Protein backbone atom coordinates (compact mmCIF):
# COMPACT_ATOMS: atom_id res chain seq x y z
CA MET A 1 -81.20 123.22 209.98
CA ALA A 2 -78.99 121.68 212.64
CA ALA A 3 -80.15 118.67 214.65
CA ALA A 4 -81.08 119.29 218.24
CA PRO A 5 -78.50 118.02 220.67
CA VAL A 6 -79.36 115.26 223.11
CA PRO A 7 -80.38 116.94 226.40
CA VAL A 8 -77.96 116.25 229.13
CA PHE A 9 -78.05 119.13 231.62
CA HIS A 10 -81.54 120.61 231.22
CA ASN A 11 -83.16 117.99 233.26
CA GLY A 12 -81.95 114.97 235.10
CA LYS A 13 -84.24 112.66 233.14
CA GLY A 14 -82.59 113.36 229.80
CA GLU A 15 -79.14 112.87 231.30
CA VAL A 16 -80.20 109.58 232.79
CA ARG A 17 -81.61 108.42 229.46
CA ALA A 18 -78.40 109.17 227.60
CA THR A 19 -76.26 107.64 230.29
CA GLY A 20 -78.51 104.54 230.45
CA LEU A 21 -78.37 103.89 226.68
CA GLY A 22 -74.58 104.14 226.63
CA PHE A 23 -74.29 101.95 229.70
CA ALA A 24 -76.68 99.35 228.22
CA ARG A 25 -74.74 99.35 224.92
CA SER A 26 -71.43 99.00 226.75
CA LEU A 27 -72.91 96.36 229.00
CA ALA A 28 -74.09 94.45 225.92
CA TRP A 29 -70.59 94.49 224.42
CA VAL A 30 -69.05 93.60 227.75
CA ALA A 31 -71.59 90.83 228.18
CA LEU A 32 -70.87 89.53 224.67
CA ILE A 33 -67.13 89.61 225.27
CA LEU A 34 -67.60 88.02 228.68
CA VAL A 35 -69.77 85.26 227.21
CA LEU A 36 -67.26 84.63 224.42
CA THR A 37 -64.37 84.66 226.88
CA LEU A 38 -66.07 82.36 229.33
CA SER A 39 -67.30 80.12 226.51
CA THR A 40 -63.83 79.97 224.99
CA GLY A 41 -62.29 79.22 228.39
CA LEU A 42 -64.98 76.64 229.07
CA SER A 43 -64.45 75.03 225.67
CA VAL A 44 -60.69 74.88 226.26
CA TYR A 45 -61.24 73.42 229.74
CA ILE A 46 -63.79 70.83 228.63
CA GLY A 47 -61.69 69.91 225.60
CA SER A 48 -58.65 69.53 227.84
CA GLN A 49 -60.58 67.29 230.23
CA ALA A 50 -61.91 65.22 227.34
CA LYS A 51 -58.37 64.92 226.00
CA LYS A 52 -57.11 63.80 229.41
CA THR A 53 -59.94 61.29 229.70
CA LEU A 54 -59.29 59.89 226.24
CA MET A 55 -55.55 59.71 226.89
CA ARG A 56 -56.11 58.03 230.24
CA LYS A 57 -58.35 55.44 228.63
CA GLN A 58 -55.80 55.06 225.84
CA GLN A 59 -53.10 54.44 228.44
CA GLU A 60 -55.28 51.92 230.27
CA PHE A 61 -55.94 50.20 226.96
CA ALA A 62 -52.22 50.25 226.15
CA ALA A 63 -51.40 48.79 229.59
CA LEU A 64 -53.91 46.00 229.05
CA LEU A 65 -52.51 45.37 225.57
CA ALA A 66 -48.96 45.26 226.99
CA GLU A 67 -49.98 42.71 229.62
CA ASN A 68 -51.77 40.64 226.99
CA LEU A 69 -48.68 40.77 224.73
CA ASN A 70 -46.50 39.66 227.67
CA HIS A 71 -48.90 36.77 228.36
CA GLN A 72 -49.23 35.70 224.73
CA ILE A 73 -45.49 35.92 224.01
CA TYR A 74 -44.61 33.91 227.12
CA ARG A 75 -47.30 31.25 226.72
CA ARG A 76 -47.32 30.92 222.94
CA PHE A 77 -43.65 31.61 222.10
CA THR A 78 -41.22 31.53 225.03
CA LEU A 79 -42.36 28.27 226.64
CA PRO A 80 -42.83 26.31 223.35
CA THR A 81 -39.50 27.63 222.01
CA LEU A 82 -37.60 26.67 225.17
CA ILE A 83 -39.17 23.22 225.02
CA GLY A 84 -38.59 22.80 221.29
CA PHE A 85 -35.20 24.49 220.85
CA GLY A 86 -33.77 24.68 224.35
CA ARG A 87 -33.07 28.41 224.12
CA ILE A 88 -34.34 31.63 222.59
CA ALA A 89 -32.37 32.61 219.47
CA LEU A 90 -34.30 35.11 217.36
CA ARG A 91 -31.51 35.12 214.79
CA GLN A 92 -33.02 31.84 213.66
CA SER A 93 -35.69 32.64 211.11
CA VAL A 94 -38.00 29.91 212.44
CA GLN A 95 -38.08 31.46 215.92
CA TYR A 96 -38.32 35.02 214.56
CA GLU A 97 -41.26 34.12 212.33
CA ARG A 98 -43.01 32.27 215.15
CA LEU A 99 -42.66 35.31 217.44
CA ASP A 100 -43.82 37.58 214.61
CA GLN A 101 -46.88 35.40 214.10
CA VAL A 102 -47.77 35.59 217.81
CA VAL A 103 -47.30 39.38 217.91
CA GLN A 104 -49.21 40.06 214.69
CA SER A 105 -52.16 37.92 215.78
CA THR A 106 -52.29 39.77 219.13
CA ILE A 107 -52.11 43.35 217.81
CA HIS A 108 -54.24 42.75 214.71
CA GLY A 109 -56.83 45.52 214.37
CA LEU A 110 -55.50 47.52 217.33
CA ASP A 111 -53.78 50.29 215.28
CA VAL A 112 -50.29 49.55 216.59
CA LYS A 113 -47.89 51.37 214.25
CA ARG A 114 -44.60 49.89 215.48
CA LEU A 115 -43.54 47.30 218.04
CA ARG A 116 -40.03 46.48 219.23
CA ILE A 117 -38.51 44.15 221.81
CA PHE A 118 -35.17 45.20 223.32
CA GLY A 119 -32.73 42.81 224.93
CA HIS A 120 -30.73 43.53 228.07
CA ASP A 121 -27.94 45.00 225.91
CA HIS A 122 -30.35 47.56 224.34
CA THR A 123 -30.27 45.70 221.02
CA VAL A 124 -33.51 45.36 219.07
CA THR A 125 -34.11 41.61 219.14
CA TYR A 126 -37.49 41.84 217.42
CA SER A 127 -39.38 44.51 215.48
CA THR A 128 -42.46 44.58 213.27
CA ASP A 129 -40.09 46.28 210.85
CA ARG A 130 -37.61 43.44 210.39
CA ASP A 131 -34.93 45.82 209.10
CA GLU A 132 -34.62 47.22 212.64
CA ALA A 133 -33.65 43.85 214.14
CA GLY A 134 -30.13 43.93 215.55
CA ARG A 135 -29.86 47.74 215.74
CA GLU A 136 -28.44 49.29 218.90
CA ASP A 137 -29.24 52.97 218.25
CA LEU A 138 -33.00 52.82 218.83
CA SER A 139 -32.93 52.48 222.62
CA THR A 140 -34.21 55.40 224.72
CA PRO A 141 -33.97 56.23 228.45
CA MET A 142 -37.50 54.85 228.74
CA VAL A 143 -36.10 51.39 228.01
CA ASP A 144 -33.81 51.57 231.04
CA GLU A 145 -36.64 52.90 233.22
CA ALA A 146 -39.04 50.18 232.07
CA ALA A 147 -36.50 47.43 232.78
CA LYS A 148 -36.55 48.51 236.45
CA ALA A 149 -40.27 49.33 236.72
CA ASP A 150 -43.28 47.17 237.44
CA ASP A 151 -45.83 49.18 235.44
CA PRO A 152 -45.90 50.50 231.87
CA ILE A 153 -44.24 53.84 231.10
CA PHE A 154 -46.09 56.17 228.73
CA GLN A 155 -44.74 59.02 226.62
CA GLU A 156 -46.82 61.28 224.38
CA GLU A 157 -45.11 62.33 221.14
CA THR A 158 -46.36 65.28 219.05
CA GLN A 159 -45.39 66.66 215.66
CA MET A 160 -46.92 70.10 216.36
CA PRO A 161 -48.21 72.09 219.35
CA TYR A 162 -51.73 71.30 220.45
CA TRP A 163 -52.87 74.90 219.98
CA LYS A 164 -51.71 74.85 216.37
CA ALA A 165 -53.55 71.63 215.70
CA PHE A 166 -56.69 73.36 217.01
CA PHE A 167 -56.78 75.64 213.91
CA LEU A 168 -56.23 72.84 211.38
CA PHE A 169 -59.23 71.31 209.67
CA ASP A 170 -57.58 67.90 209.28
CA LEU A 171 -54.58 66.31 210.98
CA PRO A 172 -52.11 63.99 209.23
CA ASP A 173 -51.76 60.47 210.58
CA GLU A 174 -49.32 60.01 213.49
CA THR A 175 -49.39 63.71 214.38
CA PHE A 176 -49.92 62.54 217.97
CA ARG A 177 -48.56 59.22 219.19
CA LEU A 178 -48.47 57.30 222.44
CA ARG A 179 -45.33 55.29 223.13
CA THR A 180 -45.69 52.52 225.71
CA THR A 181 -42.67 50.81 227.25
CA PHE A 182 -43.28 47.70 229.35
CA PRO A 183 -40.99 45.15 231.06
CA LEU A 184 -41.36 41.75 229.39
CA ARG A 185 -41.38 39.28 232.27
CA ILE A 186 -41.46 35.56 232.87
CA GLU A 187 -44.83 34.53 234.31
CA ASN A 188 -43.92 32.37 237.29
CA ARG A 189 -46.66 33.38 239.65
CA LEU A 190 -49.61 31.17 240.59
CA SER A 191 -51.72 34.05 241.91
CA SER A 192 -51.83 37.82 241.71
CA SER A 193 -50.32 38.11 245.21
CA GLU A 194 -47.04 36.47 244.17
CA PRO A 195 -44.20 38.55 242.71
CA GLU A 196 -43.52 38.83 239.00
CA GLY A 197 -40.78 36.81 237.37
CA PRO A 198 -37.46 38.15 236.06
CA VAL A 199 -37.35 40.56 233.13
CA MET A 200 -36.68 38.90 229.74
CA GLY A 201 -36.51 42.18 227.84
CA VAL A 202 -38.35 45.43 227.25
CA LEU A 203 -41.42 45.72 225.04
CA GLU A 204 -42.02 49.02 223.26
CA PHE A 205 -44.91 49.83 220.93
CA THR A 206 -46.35 53.00 219.42
CA GLN A 207 -50.03 53.75 218.82
CA ASP A 208 -51.48 56.55 216.70
CA THR A 209 -53.64 58.67 219.04
CA THR A 210 -54.37 61.28 216.35
CA PRO A 211 -58.01 60.11 215.92
CA ASP A 212 -58.62 60.60 219.66
CA ILE A 213 -56.90 63.99 219.67
CA LYS A 214 -58.82 64.94 216.54
CA ARG A 215 -62.09 64.15 218.30
CA SER A 216 -61.01 66.31 221.22
CA ILE A 217 -60.10 69.21 218.91
CA ARG A 218 -63.36 68.92 216.99
CA PHE A 219 -65.14 68.96 220.31
CA GLN A 220 -63.56 72.29 221.22
CA GLN A 221 -64.18 73.80 217.78
CA VAL A 222 -67.86 72.92 217.81
CA ILE A 223 -68.27 74.51 221.23
CA PHE A 224 -66.46 77.67 220.15
CA VAL A 225 -68.57 78.07 216.97
CA ALA A 226 -71.80 77.33 218.84
CA THR A 227 -71.21 80.20 221.28
CA LEU A 228 -71.19 82.71 218.39
CA PHE A 229 -74.86 82.11 217.75
CA SER A 230 -76.39 81.70 221.15
CA SER A 231 -75.44 80.83 224.66
CA CYS A 232 -78.49 78.59 224.77
CA LEU A 233 -77.35 76.74 221.66
CA PHE A 234 -73.92 76.59 223.24
CA LEU A 235 -75.33 74.80 226.29
CA ALA A 236 -77.36 72.40 224.14
CA LEU A 237 -74.38 71.56 221.94
CA LEU A 238 -72.18 71.22 225.00
CA LEU A 239 -74.44 68.58 226.50
CA PHE A 240 -74.65 66.82 223.13
CA LEU A 241 -70.90 66.72 222.71
CA ILE A 242 -70.39 65.57 226.29
CA ARG A 243 -72.74 62.70 225.58
CA ARG A 244 -70.74 61.92 222.44
CA ALA A 245 -67.55 61.92 224.49
CA GLU A 246 -69.18 59.63 227.02
CA ARG A 247 -70.22 57.26 224.22
CA ALA A 248 -66.64 57.25 222.89
CA VAL A 249 -65.31 56.46 226.36
CA ALA A 250 -68.00 53.80 226.82
CA ALA A 251 -67.03 52.22 223.50
CA ARG A 252 -63.39 52.14 224.59
CA MET A 253 -64.33 50.60 227.94
CA ALA A 254 -66.45 47.98 226.14
CA GLU A 255 -63.39 47.09 224.05
CA GLU A 256 -61.31 46.70 227.20
CA GLN A 257 -63.97 44.47 228.75
CA ARG A 258 -63.99 42.34 225.60
CA LEU A 259 -60.23 41.83 225.84
CA THR A 260 -60.58 41.03 229.54
CA ARG A 261 -63.24 38.42 228.77
CA GLU A 262 -60.97 36.83 226.16
CA LEU A 263 -58.17 36.70 228.73
CA HIS A 264 -60.50 35.05 231.25
CA GLN A 265 -61.58 32.59 228.56
CA SER A 266 -57.96 31.54 228.10
CA GLU A 267 -57.68 30.96 231.85
CA LYS A 268 -60.87 28.88 231.75
CA LEU A 269 -59.37 26.67 229.03
CA ALA A 270 -56.38 26.03 231.28
CA GLY A 271 -58.79 25.12 234.09
CA MET A 272 -60.61 22.73 231.78
CA GLY A 273 -57.32 20.95 231.17
CA ARG A 274 -56.99 20.33 234.90
CA VAL A 275 -60.59 19.05 235.01
CA VAL A 276 -59.89 16.62 232.15
CA ALA A 277 -56.83 15.38 234.03
CA GLY A 278 -59.08 14.72 237.02
CA ILE A 279 -61.53 12.80 234.85
CA ALA A 280 -58.68 10.70 233.45
CA HIS A 281 -57.63 9.93 237.02
CA GLU A 282 -61.15 8.69 237.79
CA ILE A 283 -61.12 6.48 234.67
CA ARG A 284 -57.97 4.79 235.90
CA ASN A 285 -59.67 2.96 238.80
CA PRO A 286 -62.43 1.13 236.84
CA LEU A 287 -59.92 0.52 234.05
CA GLY A 288 -57.67 -1.30 236.53
CA ILE A 289 -60.61 -3.49 237.56
CA ILE A 290 -61.34 -4.35 233.92
CA ARG A 291 -57.68 -5.19 233.32
CA SER A 292 -57.27 -7.40 236.40
CA SER A 293 -60.62 -9.14 235.75
CA SER A 294 -59.66 -9.93 232.16
CA GLU A 295 -56.30 -11.33 233.32
CA LEU A 296 -58.07 -13.50 235.90
CA LEU A 297 -60.56 -14.83 233.33
CA LEU A 298 -57.72 -15.53 230.89
CA LYS A 299 -55.93 -17.67 233.47
CA ARG A 300 -59.12 -19.47 234.52
CA ASP A 301 -60.48 -20.21 231.02
CA ALA A 302 -57.14 -20.75 229.24
CA GLY A 303 -57.43 -23.52 226.63
CA GLN A 304 -61.16 -24.19 227.13
CA ASP A 305 -62.74 -21.97 224.48
CA ALA A 306 -60.58 -20.41 221.73
CA LEU A 307 -63.15 -17.72 220.81
CA THR A 308 -63.64 -16.68 224.43
CA GLY A 309 -59.88 -16.65 224.92
CA ARG A 310 -59.37 -14.33 221.94
CA ILE A 311 -62.10 -11.97 223.16
CA LEU A 312 -60.64 -11.88 226.68
CA GLN A 313 -57.15 -11.34 225.27
CA ALA A 314 -58.42 -8.41 223.15
CA ILE A 315 -60.13 -6.89 226.22
CA ASN A 316 -56.94 -7.25 228.25
CA ASP A 317 -54.73 -5.80 225.50
CA GLU A 318 -56.99 -2.79 224.95
CA ALA A 319 -57.29 -2.22 228.72
CA CYS A 320 -53.48 -2.24 229.02
CA ARG A 321 -53.11 0.15 226.08
CA LEU A 322 -55.77 2.52 227.46
CA SER A 323 -54.16 2.34 230.90
CA ARG A 324 -50.81 3.42 229.42
CA THR A 325 -52.54 6.26 227.56
CA VAL A 326 -54.28 7.49 230.72
CA GLY A 327 -51.03 7.17 232.63
CA ASP A 328 -49.17 9.24 230.06
CA PHE A 329 -51.86 11.92 230.12
CA LEU A 330 -51.79 12.13 233.92
CA ASP A 331 -48.01 12.26 233.96
CA TYR A 332 -48.05 15.16 231.50
CA ALA A 333 -50.84 17.08 233.29
CA ARG A 334 -49.66 16.77 236.89
CA PRO A 335 -46.98 19.19 238.19
CA LEU A 336 -43.51 17.75 238.73
CA ASN A 337 -42.28 17.15 242.27
CA ILE A 338 -38.54 16.86 241.75
CA ARG A 339 -36.22 15.78 244.55
CA ARG A 340 -32.82 17.49 244.48
CA GLU A 341 -30.31 14.77 245.30
CA PRO A 342 -26.87 13.92 243.89
CA VAL A 343 -27.37 11.57 240.93
CA ASP A 344 -24.67 9.81 238.89
CA LEU A 345 -25.90 10.25 235.32
CA SER A 346 -23.38 7.69 234.07
CA ALA A 347 -24.89 5.07 236.37
CA VAL A 348 -28.42 5.98 235.27
CA LEU A 349 -27.56 5.50 231.58
CA THR A 350 -25.77 2.23 232.39
CA GLU A 351 -28.90 0.90 234.13
CA VAL A 352 -31.10 1.93 231.19
CA LEU A 353 -28.84 0.19 228.67
CA ALA A 354 -28.68 -2.89 230.87
CA PHE A 355 -32.47 -3.09 230.86
CA PHE A 356 -32.57 -2.91 227.06
CA SER A 357 -29.61 -5.25 226.56
CA GLN A 358 -31.69 -8.37 225.83
CA ASN A 359 -33.98 -6.49 223.44
CA LEU A 360 -31.00 -4.92 221.69
CA HIS A 361 -29.32 -8.30 221.33
CA GLU A 362 -32.46 -9.84 219.80
CA ARG A 363 -32.74 -6.96 217.32
CA ASP A 364 -29.03 -7.17 216.41
CA ILE A 365 -28.46 -3.55 217.47
CA ASN A 366 -24.95 -2.52 218.50
CA VAL A 367 -24.51 0.05 221.27
CA LEU A 368 -21.49 2.35 221.03
CA CYS A 369 -20.77 4.01 224.36
CA SER A 370 -18.47 6.94 225.00
CA GLY A 371 -17.94 8.55 228.39
CA LEU A 372 -19.74 5.85 230.40
CA THR A 373 -16.87 5.23 232.81
CA HIS A 374 -16.65 4.33 236.45
CA GLU A 375 -15.96 7.98 237.23
CA PRO A 376 -19.28 9.49 238.33
CA LEU A 377 -20.78 12.44 236.46
CA MET A 378 -22.98 14.00 239.12
CA VAL A 379 -26.06 16.14 238.62
CA ALA A 380 -28.61 17.40 241.16
CA GLY A 381 -32.01 15.88 240.57
CA ASP A 382 -34.44 13.00 240.89
CA LYS A 383 -32.92 9.66 239.92
CA ASP A 384 -36.26 7.98 239.14
CA MET A 385 -37.38 10.82 236.86
CA LEU A 386 -34.05 10.97 235.06
CA TYR A 387 -34.12 7.19 234.61
CA ARG A 388 -37.58 7.46 233.09
CA ALA A 389 -36.49 10.26 230.75
CA PHE A 390 -33.50 8.34 229.38
CA PHE A 391 -35.52 5.12 229.32
CA ASN A 392 -37.96 6.85 226.95
CA ILE A 393 -35.16 8.29 224.79
CA VAL A 394 -33.32 4.95 224.44
CA GLY A 395 -36.64 3.16 223.85
CA ASN A 396 -37.51 5.54 221.03
CA ALA A 397 -34.06 5.04 219.51
CA THR A 398 -34.49 1.25 219.68
CA GLN A 399 -37.87 1.41 217.93
CA ALA A 400 -36.48 3.81 215.29
CA VAL A 401 -33.59 1.45 214.40
CA GLY A 402 -35.80 -1.63 214.19
CA ARG A 403 -33.21 -4.30 213.37
CA SER A 404 -29.52 -4.43 212.49
CA GLY A 405 -28.37 -0.96 213.35
CA THR A 406 -26.44 1.05 215.91
CA ILE A 407 -27.17 3.34 218.83
CA ALA A 408 -24.38 5.68 219.96
CA VAL A 409 -24.45 7.05 223.49
CA ASP A 410 -22.03 9.85 224.37
CA LEU A 411 -21.76 11.35 227.86
CA GLN A 412 -19.38 14.14 228.80
CA ARG A 413 -18.94 17.05 231.17
CA LYS A 414 -17.89 20.48 229.95
CA ALA A 415 -18.17 24.04 231.33
CA GLY A 416 -20.32 23.06 234.29
CA ARG A 417 -22.78 21.08 232.14
CA VAL A 418 -23.28 17.34 231.70
CA THR A 419 -24.28 16.50 228.14
CA ALA A 420 -25.77 13.18 227.01
CA VAL A 421 -26.26 12.51 223.29
CA VAL A 422 -28.20 9.48 221.99
CA HIS A 423 -27.81 8.96 218.21
CA ASP A 424 -29.54 6.15 216.34
CA SER A 425 -29.12 4.84 212.78
CA GLY A 426 -32.85 4.93 212.05
CA PRO A 427 -34.64 6.95 209.36
CA GLY A 428 -34.56 10.16 211.39
CA ILE A 429 -37.32 12.68 212.12
CA PRO A 430 -39.46 13.86 209.18
CA ALA A 431 -38.51 17.39 208.17
CA ASP A 432 -42.06 18.68 208.57
CA MET A 433 -42.16 17.53 212.20
CA LEU A 434 -38.79 18.78 213.45
CA ASP A 435 -40.22 22.00 214.88
CA LYS A 436 -43.19 20.34 216.59
CA ILE A 437 -41.88 16.92 217.64
CA LEU A 438 -41.92 18.03 221.30
CA ASP A 439 -45.51 19.32 221.12
CA PRO A 440 -48.13 17.27 223.01
CA PHE A 441 -50.01 14.60 221.01
CA VAL A 442 -47.58 14.78 218.06
CA THR A 443 -46.22 11.32 217.19
CA THR A 444 -44.76 9.39 214.26
CA LYS A 445 -46.03 6.06 215.60
CA ASP A 446 -49.36 4.50 214.70
CA ASP A 447 -50.04 3.43 218.29
CA GLY A 448 -48.32 6.32 220.09
CA THR A 449 -49.99 8.93 222.28
CA GLY A 450 -47.55 11.74 221.49
CA LEU A 451 -46.92 12.41 225.20
CA GLY A 452 -43.65 10.51 225.72
CA LEU A 453 -41.27 13.19 224.50
CA PRO A 454 -43.25 16.10 226.06
CA ILE A 455 -43.02 14.29 229.41
CA VAL A 456 -39.27 13.85 228.88
CA ALA A 457 -38.96 17.55 228.02
CA ASN A 458 -40.87 18.50 231.20
CA ILE A 459 -38.55 16.32 233.31
CA ILE A 460 -35.38 17.74 231.75
CA THR A 461 -36.50 21.38 231.92
CA GLY A 462 -37.71 20.78 235.48
CA HIS A 463 -34.12 19.88 236.33
CA GLY A 464 -32.88 23.14 234.81
CA GLY A 465 -31.66 21.44 231.65
CA SER A 466 -32.60 21.38 227.98
CA LEU A 467 -33.66 18.77 225.43
CA SER A 468 -33.15 19.15 221.69
CA LEU A 469 -33.95 16.76 218.85
CA ASP A 470 -32.57 16.92 215.32
CA ASN A 471 -31.27 14.78 212.47
CA ALA A 472 -27.57 14.05 212.29
CA GLU A 473 -25.59 14.76 209.12
CA GLU A 474 -24.72 11.08 208.70
CA GLY A 475 -28.37 10.08 209.12
CA GLY A 476 -30.62 9.09 211.97
CA ALA A 477 -32.18 11.05 214.82
CA ARG A 478 -30.14 12.64 217.59
CA ALA A 479 -31.36 13.58 221.08
CA ARG A 480 -29.19 15.95 223.13
CA VAL A 481 -29.79 16.40 226.87
CA GLU A 482 -27.92 19.05 228.85
CA LEU A 483 -28.11 19.22 232.64
CA PRO A 484 -26.28 21.45 235.10
CA ALA A 485 -23.51 19.57 236.84
CA ALA A 486 -23.78 19.14 240.60
């Protein structure tokens, strides 16, 4: 028996029923497709926005890291190296290892895969992979752009299209990378309103952003799967994942704030140094009163009481020693105010040697002079400061020789530079102190403050020159001062 056909034309009600069921079924499929399409589009859009947010935060983090690297390299490597060696020469293993130590301590735990520093000739002067040092084929157009820019330049590098990564369950490391190129500058500004210093080189480092991209992809996948079950579940999961993304961004921002606080802490330490210098200045006034009072009492009570005399003499000696220490500290802490006047360096050295002549004669020390002629060797600078610098150098040489030795002084002009070399016949500088002899508070003397040579180095570098200390092949210490000729 054949089944009765669905009524369509016998009455309008049956036709409406058949048409309504088909329309409802079609509408259900259309609604399902529409929900899936909109959900997929929404998941792609939200995932894209999350990816942009994560990448923006990654770039902000990279910019902060680049600025911190610039600051750390300049403060902890460039300045000490210029003071200690006179110039930057990364071909020397000591300098390369010191720079590597500064860089590694700064990027430790920050997932930096590779870091390079390019010179002005596009040569790799430093790399975390030491085999790359000296190569000229690793420079990119970004290096030229960064050398002329004020802000970091970012470039995203991918090993596969983003849509393909969406269908992979796991992504290999370094599938997505962020390359940051930043001009390495000299910090010569006293405030943020002053211009940056000249470019020393270009800093380039690469970070693995695959974990961030992976989180973004997982975010999209979860949304897409959730829409298959229920639009309500889709909305709930969407809010949950958005909150997770917000927590990830908040964690990244907290890390940035931590680095900012550490940077501010470093600035506070510098401020504390200025405060200590101020305290030392305040100590100087009562110390002068103690010193003058002890001298007065010594003159008044001389010969009357031996015990009192010894106590007063000890007070006076210690007050004089402490006064010299405070003076050295203030001289090192205060900024130099150098007058630029024509100065005859030959005359300055002659005056210094004349002052020490009696002491040298008593110690049986011969002085061998070369280049100290009546012909002036002019430099532009402050005569009093230069006199003090060479006074300290010759004084150190005299103390190093002790008795029955020689001090050789050589002064010459060559290629627009005036070079003065003071070589003594003393025991020389201990090998373990050669690389830090110009650091503050480092001394080989029992009663020294360790500020004499750092003050000399500040004076010489303030004149645009360089100071280097080493041991001569024939024995003894050698101090070399180079100044630009006037």
